[in-house]
Amino acid sequence: MQVTASQIWSAIEAIRKQAPVIHNITNFVVMNNTANALLALGASPVMAHAEEEVEEMVAIAGALVINIGTLSRYWVPSMRRAVQHAHQRKIPIVLDPVGAGATVYRTRTSRELLGTAPITIIRGNASEIMALVNSEGKTKGVDSSALSADALDAARRLHDTYGSVVCVSGATDYILSGADVTKVLNGHILMTKVTGLGCTASALCGAFAAVNGNFAQATAEAMAVMGIAGEMSAMNSPGPGSMQVNFLDALYRLSEENINKLLRIEG
């Protein structure tokens, strides 16, 4: 799948023009960062996990992002209900199975959500993706204990079973849809020292999917933008504290020139 700089820039312009509402049921650690990243990109974030209101929030959203990072039994019915309603409304659904493989509960919940309704995009690190299809897969906390390329077979099995676009993130990001595999090579090692940037990537997948019905392309666009913004912010960041702030600024300042200059993608 070819994804060009001009396509990415057109998608960013669409996000900035349309400001799609992205409904996030996400974890306590990243709510603020995720909301600010979506705002910086040009989308309109909402964080809502109460079961009593998720259907109303989904009704105004352009995409739904489910993230199980601080999983609670009180949230799981809300997640299921939101997924069902998003499917009925035919809006894209992104699942981030944070820490799948670390505990039985996380793995089981992720699989249950996959079975609730068709998930449009699954984005996780290699260990998380492998854990969704293999009970022996293990995750180091919420970090991967495997390389992204190690999870390609698992990603194919997920796609074949559920029809989802599957994104395996890592030093190289792999986006798989059918026979197509796209590699995004952008990014910086300092990104791994800032908590929640993987969760941010999932939210951005939702934003791009809200304006681009080619969901594999939208996922590749989101991951490329993440990596490019990471590279831009690392240039002026002596450590993870400044990196966190500079990343938001990079998303906000992102230009067509930046994308043309920095994009590294293969597909």
C-alpha atoms as a PDB file:
ATOM      1  CA  MET A   1       0.000   0.000   0.000  1.00  0.00           C
ATOM      2  CA  GLN A   2       1.429   3.320  -1.086  1.00  0.00           C
ATOM      3  CA  VAL A   3       1.041   6.186   1.376  1.00  0.00           C
ATOM      4  CA  THR A   4       2.454   9.479   0.186  1.00  0.00           C
ATOM      5  CA  ALA A   5       3.345  12.728   1.901  1.00  0.00           C
ATOM      6  CA  SER A   6       0.600  14.519  -0.036  1.00  0.00           C
ATOM      7  CA  GLN A   7      -2.003  12.005   1.165  1.00  0.00           C
ATOM      8  CA  ILE A   8      -0.897  12.473   4.763  1.00  0.00           C
ATOM      9  CA  TRP A   9      -1.049  16.237   4.453  1.00  0.00           C
ATOM     10  CA  SER A  10      -4.519  16.083   2.881  1.00  0.00           C
ATOM     11  CA  ALA A  11      -5.703  13.989   5.823  1.00  0.00           C
ATOM     12  CA  ILE A  12      -4.245  16.476   8.308  1.00  0.00           C
ATOM     13  CA  GLU A  13      -5.999  19.331   6.508  1.00  0.00           C
ATOM     14  CA  ALA A  14      -9.256  17.372   6.685  1.00  0.00           C
ATOM     15  CA  ILE A  15      -8.837  16.822  10.422  1.00  0.00           C
ATOM     16  CA  ARG A  16      -8.072  20.493  10.989  1.00  0.00           C
ATOM     17  CA  LYS A  17     -11.074  21.549   8.897  1.00  0.00           C
ATOM     18  CA  GLN A  18     -13.607  19.031  10.213  1.00  0.00           C
ATOM     19  CA  ALA A  19     -12.383  18.759  13.837  1.00  0.00           C
ATOM     20  CA  PRO A  20     -13.961  15.313  14.238  1.00  0.00           C
ATOM     21  CA  VAL A  21     -15.053  14.337  17.732  1.00  0.00           C
ATOM     22  CA  ILE A  22     -12.964  11.404  18.954  1.00  0.00           C
ATOM     23  CA  HIS A  23     -14.622   9.559  21.829  1.00  0.00           C
ATOM     24  CA  ASN A  24     -12.011   7.991  24.089  1.00  0.00           C
ATOM     25  CA  ILE A  25     -12.591   5.450  26.812  1.00  0.00           C
ATOM     26  CA  THR A  26      -8.992   5.500  27.904  1.00  0.00           C
ATOM     27  CA  ASN A  27      -6.806   5.202  30.969  1.00  0.00           C
ATOM     28  CA  PHE A  28      -6.180   7.654  33.790  1.00  0.00           C
ATOM     29  CA  VAL A  29      -2.452   7.896  33.016  1.00  0.00           C
ATOM     30  CA  VAL A  30      -2.911   9.365  29.541  1.00  0.00           C
ATOM     31  CA  MET A  31      -6.239  11.200  29.475  1.00  0.00           C
ATOM     32  CA  ASN A  32      -4.682  14.665  29.582  1.00  0.00           C
ATOM     33  CA  ASN A  33      -1.885  13.894  27.113  1.00  0.00           C
ATOM     34  CA  THR A  34      -4.233  12.155  24.699  1.00  0.00           C
ATOM     35  CA  ALA A  35      -6.738  14.995  24.763  1.00  0.00           C
ATOM     36  CA  ASN A  36      -4.010  17.574  24.191  1.00  0.00           C
ATOM     37  CA  ALA A  37      -2.487  15.579  21.338  1.00  0.00           C
ATOM     38  CA  LEU A  38      -5.831  15.310  19.565  1.00  0.00           C
ATOM     39  CA  LEU A  39      -6.402  19.038  20.043  1.00  0.00           C
ATOM     40  CA  ALA A  40      -2.923  19.846  18.761  1.00  0.00           C
ATOM     41  CA  LEU A  41      -3.578  17.773  15.637  1.00  0.00           C
ATOM     42  CA  GLY A  42      -6.906  19.510  15.066  1.00  0.00           C
ATOM     43  CA  ALA A  43      -9.429  16.946  16.309  1.00  0.00           C
ATOM     44  CA  SER A  44     -11.948  17.381  19.132  1.00  0.00           C
ATOM     45  CA  PRO A  45     -11.399  14.931  22.017  1.00  0.00           C
ATOM     46  CA  VAL A  46     -13.939  13.734  24.545  1.00  0.00           C
ATOM     47  CA  MET A  47     -13.200  11.417  27.465  1.00  0.00           C
ATOM     48  CA  ALA A  48     -16.328   9.616  28.637  1.00  0.00           C
ATOM     49  CA  HIS A  49     -16.528   6.214  30.309  1.00  0.00           C
ATOM     50  CA  ALA A  50     -19.762   6.292  32.311  1.00  0.00           C
ATOM     51  CA  GLU A  51     -22.113   3.616  30.991  1.00  0.00           C
ATOM     52  CA  GLU A  52     -25.039   6.033  31.366  1.00  0.00           C
ATOM     53  CA  GLU A  53     -23.693   8.389  28.682  1.00  0.00           C
ATOM     54  CA  VAL A  54     -21.462   6.441  26.284  1.00  0.00           C
ATOM     55  CA  GLU A  55     -24.181   5.923  23.682  1.00  0.00           C
ATOM     56  CA  GLU A  56     -24.887   9.655  23.548  1.00  0.00           C
ATOM     57  CA  MET A  57     -21.179  10.404  23.188  1.00  0.00           C
ATOM     58  CA  VAL A  58     -20.765   7.819  20.438  1.00  0.00           C
ATOM     59  CA  ALA A  59     -23.720   9.442  18.679  1.00  0.00           C
ATOM     60  CA  ILE A  60     -21.750  12.663  18.153  1.00  0.00           C
ATOM     61  CA  ALA A  61     -18.353  11.046  17.501  1.00  0.00           C
ATOM     62  CA  GLY A  62     -16.422  10.479  14.310  1.00  0.00           C
ATOM     63  CA  ALA A  63     -14.500   7.586  15.868  1.00  0.00           C
ATOM     64  CA  LEU A  64     -14.359   5.559  19.081  1.00  0.00           C
ATOM     65  CA  VAL A  65     -11.053   4.672  20.767  1.00  0.00           C
ATOM     66  CA  ILE A  66     -11.027   1.969  23.462  1.00  0.00           C
ATOM     67  CA  ASN A  67      -7.905   1.750  25.636  1.00  0.00           C
ATOM     68  CA  ILE A  68      -7.687  -0.708  28.560  1.00  0.00           C
ATOM     69  CA  GLY A  69      -4.606   0.774  30.231  1.00  0.00           C
ATOM     70  CA  THR A  70      -6.123   1.217  33.702  1.00  0.00           C
ATOM     71  CA  LEU A  71      -8.691  -1.514  33.358  1.00  0.00           C
ATOM     72  CA  SER A  72     -11.598  -1.594  35.813  1.00  0.00           C
ATOM     73  CA  ARG A  73     -14.585  -3.914  35.962  1.00  0.00           C
ATOM     74  CA  TYR A  74     -16.840  -0.855  36.081  1.00  0.00           C
ATOM     75  CA  TRP A  75     -15.564   0.290  32.687  1.00  0.00           C
ATOM     76  CA  VAL A  76     -15.879  -2.970  30.773  1.00  0.00           C
ATOM     77  CA  PRO A  77     -19.694  -2.778  30.307  1.00  0.00           C
ATOM     78  CA  SER A  78     -19.231   0.822  29.110  1.00  0.00           C
ATOM     79  CA  MET A  79     -16.631  -0.320  26.592  1.00  0.00           C
ATOM     80  CA  ARG A  80     -18.883  -3.090  25.277  1.00  0.00           C
ATOM     81  CA  ARG A  81     -21.871  -0.761  25.038  1.00  0.00           C
ATOM     82  CA  ALA A  82     -19.845   1.921  23.253  1.00  0.00           C
ATOM     83  CA  VAL A  83     -18.413  -0.619  20.790  1.00  0.00           C
ATOM     84  CA  GLN A  84     -21.877  -1.978  20.000  1.00  0.00           C
ATOM     85  CA  HIS A  85     -23.308   1.494  19.431  1.00  0.00           C
ATOM     86  CA  ALA A  86     -20.331   2.617  17.327  1.00  0.00           C
ATOM     87  CA  HIS A  87     -20.801  -0.462  15.149  1.00  0.00           C
ATOM     88  CA  GLN A  88     -24.487   0.367  14.735  1.00  0.00           C
ATOM     89  CA  ARG A  89     -23.553   3.910  13.724  1.00  0.00           C
ATOM     90  CA  LYS A  90     -20.854   2.621  11.344  1.00  0.00           C
ATOM     91  CA  ILE A  91     -18.088   4.769  12.804  1.00  0.00           C
ATOM     92  CA  PRO A  92     -14.524   3.395  13.091  1.00  0.00           C
ATOM     93  CA  ILE A  93     -13.520   1.658  16.311  1.00  0.00           C
ATOM     94  CA  VAL A  94      -9.905   1.520  17.526  1.00  0.00           C
ATOM     95  CA  LEU A  95      -8.832  -0.962  20.199  1.00  0.00           C
ATOM     96  CA  ASP A  96      -5.609  -0.526  22.177  1.00  0.00           C
ATOM     97  CA  PRO A  97      -5.155  -3.727  24.256  1.00  0.00           C
ATOM     98  CA  VAL A  98      -2.696  -2.162  26.702  1.00  0.00           C
ATOM     99  CA  GLY A  99      -0.905  -4.814  28.718  1.00  0.00           C
ATOM    100  CA  ALA A 100      -2.661  -7.772  27.103  1.00  0.00           C
ATOM    101  CA  GLY A 101      -0.588 -10.780  28.072  1.00  0.00           C
ATOM    102  CA  ALA A 102       0.435  -9.281  31.406  1.00  0.00           C
ATOM    103  CA  THR A 103      -2.644 -10.632  33.224  1.00  0.00           C
ATOM    104  CA  VAL A 104      -5.439 -13.059  32.424  1.00  0.00           C
ATOM    105  CA  TYR A 105      -8.013 -10.315  33.026  1.00  0.00           C
ATOM    106  CA  ARG A 106      -6.503  -7.935  30.476  1.00  0.00           C
ATOM    107  CA  THR A 107      -6.125 -10.615  27.856  1.00  0.00           C
ATOM    108  CA  ARG A 108      -9.641 -11.966  28.392  1.00  0.00           C
ATOM    109  CA  THR A 109     -11.197  -8.492  28.293  1.00  0.00           C
ATOM    110  CA  SER A 110      -9.375  -7.608  25.071  1.00  0.00           C
ATOM    111  CA  ARG A 111     -10.605 -10.782  23.417  1.00  0.00           C
ATOM    112  CA  GLU A 112     -14.146 -10.188  24.653  1.00  0.00           C
ATOM    113  CA  LEU A 113     -14.116  -6.708  23.133  1.00  0.00           C
ATOM    114  CA  LEU A 114     -12.898  -8.165  19.846  1.00  0.00           C
ATOM    115  CA  GLY A 115     -15.911 -10.456  19.911  1.00  0.00           C
ATOM    116  CA  THR A 116     -18.419  -7.739  20.795  1.00  0.00           C
ATOM    117  CA  ALA A 117     -18.535  -6.156  17.315  1.00  0.00           C
ATOM    118  CA  PRO A 118     -16.096  -5.781  14.402  1.00  0.00           C
ATOM    119  CA  ILE A 119     -13.114  -3.683  15.467  1.00  0.00           C
ATOM    120  CA  THR A 120     -11.801  -1.435  12.716  1.00  0.00           C
ATOM    121  CA  ILE A 121      -8.213  -0.997  13.916  1.00  0.00           C
ATOM    122  CA  ILE A 122      -6.210  -2.891  16.529  1.00  0.00           C
ATOM    123  CA  ARG A 123      -3.037  -1.075  17.600  1.00  0.00           C
ATOM    124  CA  GLY A 124      -0.600  -2.477  20.101  1.00  0.00           C
ATOM    125  CA  ASN A 125       3.013  -3.398  20.695  1.00  0.00           C
ATOM    126  CA  ALA A 126       4.326  -6.786  19.601  1.00  0.00           C
ATOM    127  CA  SER A 127       3.693  -8.579  22.886  1.00  0.00           C
ATOM    128  CA  GLU A 128       0.139  -7.277  23.123  1.00  0.00           C
ATOM    129  CA  ILE A 129      -0.705  -8.321  19.567  1.00  0.00           C
ATOM    130  CA  MET A 130       0.795 -11.769  20.128  1.00  0.00           C
ATOM    131  CA  ALA A 131      -1.122 -12.194  23.397  1.00  0.00           C
ATOM    132  CA  LEU A 132      -4.434 -11.649  21.622  1.00  0.00           C
ATOM    133  CA  VAL A 133      -3.952 -14.849  19.643  1.00  0.00           C
ATOM    134  CA  ASN A 134      -1.621 -16.873  21.868  1.00  0.00           C
ATOM    135  CA  SER A 135      -2.300 -17.585  25.534  1.00  0.00           C
ATOM    136  CA  GLU A 136       1.424 -18.141  26.060  1.00  0.00           C
ATOM    137  CA  GLY A 137       2.269 -14.591  24.909  1.00  0.00           C
ATOM    138  CA  LYS A 138       3.720 -12.517  27.738  1.00  0.00           C
ATOM    139  CA  THR A 139       3.960  -8.763  28.174  1.00  0.00           C
ATOM    140  CA  LYS A 140       6.455  -6.943  30.378  1.00  0.00           C
ATOM    141  CA  GLY A 141       3.996  -4.745  32.263  1.00  0.00           C
ATOM    142  CA  VAL A 142       2.622  -2.598  29.453  1.00  0.00           C
ATOM    143  CA  ASP A 143       5.885  -2.711  27.485  1.00  0.00           C
ATOM    144  CA  SER A 144       6.734  -5.149  24.744  1.00  0.00           C
ATOM    145  CA  SER A 145       9.078  -8.052  25.338  1.00  0.00           C
ATOM    146  CA  ALA A 146       9.267  -8.732  21.583  1.00  0.00           C
ATOM    147  CA  LEU A 147      10.221  -6.874  18.414  1.00  0.00           C
ATOM    148  CA  SER A 148       7.433  -5.585  16.186  1.00  0.00           C
ATOM    149  CA  ALA A 149       8.437  -7.915  13.328  1.00  0.00           C
ATOM    150  CA  ASP A 150       7.973 -10.893  15.673  1.00  0.00           C
ATOM    151  CA  ALA A 151       4.232 -10.221  15.800  1.00  0.00           C
ATOM    152  CA  LEU A 152       3.498 -10.252  12.067  1.00  0.00           C
ATOM    153  CA  ASP A 153       2.126 -13.803  12.071  1.00  0.00           C
ATOM    154  CA  ALA A 154      -0.130 -12.947  15.008  1.00  0.00           C
ATOM    155  CA  ALA A 155      -1.238  -9.771  13.229  1.00  0.00           C
ATOM    156  CA  ARG A 156      -2.203 -11.815  10.166  1.00  0.00           C
ATOM    157  CA  ARG A 157      -4.205 -14.205  12.310  1.00  0.00           C
ATOM    158  CA  LEU A 158      -6.031 -11.300  13.938  1.00  0.00           C
ATOM    159  CA  HIS A 159      -6.832  -9.802  10.556  1.00  0.00           C
ATOM    160  CA  ASP A 160      -8.003 -13.134   9.171  1.00  0.00           C
ATOM    161  CA  THR A 161     -10.196 -13.782  12.214  1.00  0.00           C
ATOM    162  CA  TYR A 162     -11.697 -10.344  12.788  1.00  0.00           C
ATOM    163  CA  GLY A 163     -11.105  -8.420   9.552  1.00  0.00           C
ATOM    164  CA  SER A 164      -9.378  -5.605  11.456  1.00  0.00           C
ATOM    165  CA  VAL A 165      -6.499  -3.478  10.278  1.00  0.00           C
ATOM    166  CA  VAL A 166      -3.692  -4.428  12.662  1.00  0.00           C
ATOM    167  CA  CYS A 167      -0.888  -2.062  13.627  1.00  0.00           C
ATOM    168  CA  VAL A 168       2.133  -3.469  15.448  1.00  0.00           C
ATOM    169  CA  SER A 169       4.118  -0.569  16.856  1.00  0.00           C
ATOM    170  CA  GLY A 170       7.812  -0.537  17.686  1.00  0.00           C
ATOM    171  CA  ALA A 171      11.079   0.761  16.280  1.00  0.00           C
ATOM    172  CA  THR A 172       9.398  -0.044  12.962  1.00  0.00           C
ATOM    173  CA  ASP A 173       5.627   0.165  12.839  1.00  0.00           C
ATOM    174  CA  TYR A 174       3.874  -2.476  10.753  1.00  0.00           C
ATOM    175  CA  ILE A 175       0.360  -1.899   9.405  1.00  0.00           C
ATOM    176  CA  LEU A 176      -1.255  -5.050   8.068  1.00  0.00           C
ATOM    177  CA  SER A 177      -4.472  -5.391   6.091  1.00  0.00           C
ATOM    178  CA  GLY A 178      -4.925  -8.504   4.015  1.00  0.00           C
ATOM    179  CA  ALA A 179      -1.855  -9.081   1.880  1.00  0.00           C
ATOM    180  CA  ASP A 180      -0.707  -5.474   2.319  1.00  0.00           C
ATOM    181  CA  VAL A 181       1.986  -4.711   4.869  1.00  0.00           C
ATOM    182  CA  THR A 182       3.172  -1.135   5.270  1.00  0.00           C
ATOM    183  CA  LYS A 183       6.251  -0.215   7.299  1.00  0.00           C
ATOM    184  CA  VAL A 184       6.586   3.178   8.986  1.00  0.00           C
ATOM    185  CA  LEU A 185      10.206   3.876   9.863  1.00  0.00           C
ATOM    186  CA  ASN A 186       9.759   7.272  11.500  1.00  0.00           C
ATOM    187  CA  GLY A 187      10.244   7.815  15.218  1.00  0.00           C
ATOM    188  CA  HIS A 188      12.888   8.446  17.875  1.00  0.00           C
ATOM    189  CA  ILE A 189      14.192   6.367  20.786  1.00  0.00           C
ATOM    190  CA  LEU A 190      13.305   9.146  23.255  1.00  0.00           C
ATOM    191  CA  MET A 191       9.626   8.462  22.544  1.00  0.00           C
ATOM    192  CA  THR A 192       9.956   5.235  24.533  1.00  0.00           C
ATOM    193  CA  LYS A 193      10.785   7.286  27.646  1.00  0.00           C
ATOM    194  CA  VAL A 194       7.512   9.242  27.585  1.00  0.00           C
ATOM    195  CA  THR A 195       4.580   7.348  29.051  1.00  0.00           C
ATOM    196  CA  GLY A 196       1.460   7.073  26.968  1.00  0.00           C
ATOM    197  CA  LEU A 197       2.746   7.874  23.486  1.00  0.00           C
ATOM    198  CA  GLY A 198       1.499   4.485  22.322  1.00  0.00           C
ATOM    199  CA  CYS A 199      -1.918   5.417  23.657  1.00  0.00           C
ATOM    200  CA  THR A 200      -1.615   8.713  21.797  1.00  0.00           C
ATOM    201  CA  ALA A 201      -0.901   6.780  18.603  1.00  0.00           C
ATOM    202  CA  SER A 202      -4.148   4.854  19.021  1.00  0.00           C
ATOM    203  CA  ALA A 203      -6.092   8.086  19.509  1.00  0.00           C
ATOM    204  CA  LEU A 204      -4.511   9.563  16.389  1.00  0.00           C
ATOM    205  CA  CYS A 205      -5.495   6.430  14.459  1.00  0.00           C
ATOM    206  CA  GLY A 206      -9.051   7.294  15.451  1.00  0.00           C
ATOM    207  CA  ALA A 207      -8.682  10.865  14.206  1.00  0.00           C
ATOM    208  CA  PHE A 208      -7.309   9.818  10.819  1.00  0.00           C
ATOM    209  CA  ALA A 209      -9.899   7.042  10.467  1.00  0.00           C
ATOM    210  CA  ALA A 210     -12.629   9.621  11.118  1.00  0.00           C
ATOM    211  CA  VAL A 211     -11.688  11.455   7.909  1.00  0.00           C
ATOM    212  CA  ASN A 212     -10.364   8.597   5.743  1.00  0.00           C
ATOM    213  CA  GLY A 213     -12.457   5.526   5.018  1.00  0.00           C
ATOM    214  CA  ASN A 214      -9.404   3.605   3.829  1.00  0.00           C
ATOM    215  CA  PHE A 215      -8.576   2.466   7.334  1.00  0.00           C
ATOM    216  CA  ALA A 216      -5.238   0.837   6.541  1.00  0.00           C
ATOM    217  CA  GLN A 217      -4.083   4.055   4.929  1.00  0.00           C
ATOM    218  CA  ALA A 218      -5.478   6.112   7.814  1.00  0.00           C
ATOM    219  CA  THR A 219      -3.530   3.971  10.291  1.00  0.00           C
ATOM    220  CA  ALA A 220      -0.306   4.368   8.333  1.00  0.00           C
ATOM    221  CA  GLU A 221      -0.894   8.118   8.165  1.00  0.00           C
ATOM    222  CA  ALA A 222      -1.391   8.321  11.917  1.00  0.00           C
ATOM    223  CA  MET A 223       1.742   6.312  12.678  1.00  0.00           C
ATOM    224  CA  ALA A 224       3.818   8.371  10.250  1.00  0.00           C
ATOM    225  CA  VAL A 225       2.616  11.599  11.871  1.00  0.00           C
ATOM    226  CA  MET A 226       3.442  10.187  15.308  1.00  0.00           C
ATOM    227  CA  GLY A 227       6.960   9.304  14.200  1.00  0.00           C
ATOM    228  CA  ILE A 228       7.600  12.573  12.404  1.00  0.00           C
ATOM    229  CA  ALA A 229       6.350  14.620  15.367  1.00  0.00           C
ATOM    230  CA  GLY A 230       8.586  12.495  17.606  1.00  0.00           C
ATOM    231  CA  GLU A 231      11.628  13.212  15.472  1.00  0.00           C
ATOM    232  CA  MET A 232      10.858  16.928  15.365  1.00  0.00           C
ATOM    233  CA  SER A 233      10.363  17.163  19.113  1.00  0.00           C
ATOM    234  CA  ALA A 234      13.486  15.149  19.926  1.00  0.00           C
ATOM    235  CA  MET A 235      15.635  17.730  18.160  1.00  0.00           C
ATOM    236  CA  ASN A 236      15.007  20.202  20.998  1.00  0.00           C
ATOM    237  CA  SER A 237      14.474  17.821  23.911  1.00  0.00           C
ATOM    238  CA  PRO A 238      17.325  16.997  26.304  1.00  0.00           C
ATOM    239  CA  GLY A 239      15.082  14.520  28.132  1.00  0.00           C
ATOM    240  CA  PRO A 240      11.612  13.018  28.383  1.00  0.00           C
ATOM    241  CA  GLY A 241      10.089  15.957  30.270  1.00  0.00           C
ATOM    242  CA  SER A 242      10.693  18.442  27.501  1.00  0.00           C
ATOM    243  CA  MET A 243       9.967  15.758  24.922  1.00  0.00           C
ATOM    244  CA  GLN A 244       6.423  15.440  26.217  1.00  0.00           C
ATOM    245  CA  VAL A 245       5.747  19.158  25.800  1.00  0.00           C
ATOM    246  CA  ASN A 246       7.641  19.508  22.528  1.00  0.00           C
ATOM    247  CA  PHE A 247       5.734  16.600  21.024  1.00  0.00           C
ATOM    248  CA  LEU A 248       2.455  18.487  21.408  1.00  0.00           C
ATOM    249  CA  ASP A 249       4.034  21.574  19.855  1.00  0.00           C
ATOM    250  CA  ALA A 250       5.353  19.485  16.955  1.00  0.00           C
ATOM    251  CA  LEU A 251       1.887  18.100  16.249  1.00  0.00           C
ATOM    252  CA  TYR A 252       0.460  21.610  16.321  1.00  0.00           C
ATOM    253  CA  ARG A 253       3.187  23.048  14.065  1.00  0.00           C
ATOM    254  CA  LEU A 254       3.315  20.118  11.646  1.00  0.00           C
ATOM    255  CA  SER A 255       3.531  21.310   8.053  1.00  0.00           C
ATOM    256  CA  GLU A 256       3.526  19.789   4.598  1.00  0.00           C
ATOM    257  CA  GLU A 257       7.211  20.668   4.370  1.00  0.00           C
ATOM    258  CA  ASN A 258       7.969  18.652   7.534  1.00  0.00           C
ATOM    259  CA  ILE A 259       6.213  15.610   6.106  1.00  0.00           C
ATOM    260  CA  ASN A 260       7.897  15.856   2.705  1.00  0.00           C
ATOM    261  CA  LYS A 261      11.287  16.177   4.364  1.00  0.00           C
ATOM    262  CA  LEU A 262      11.017  13.522   7.082  1.00  0.00           C
ATOM    263  CA  LEU A 263       8.593  10.827   5.894  1.00  0.00           C
ATOM    264  CA  ARG A 264      10.083   7.328   5.794  1.00  0.00           C
ATOM    265  CA  ILE A 265       7.540   4.728   4.797  1.00  0.00           C
ATOM    266  CA  GLU A 266       7.617   1.526   2.802  1.00  0.00           C
ATOM    267  CA  GLY A 267       4.695  -0.398   1.400  1.00  0.00           C
END
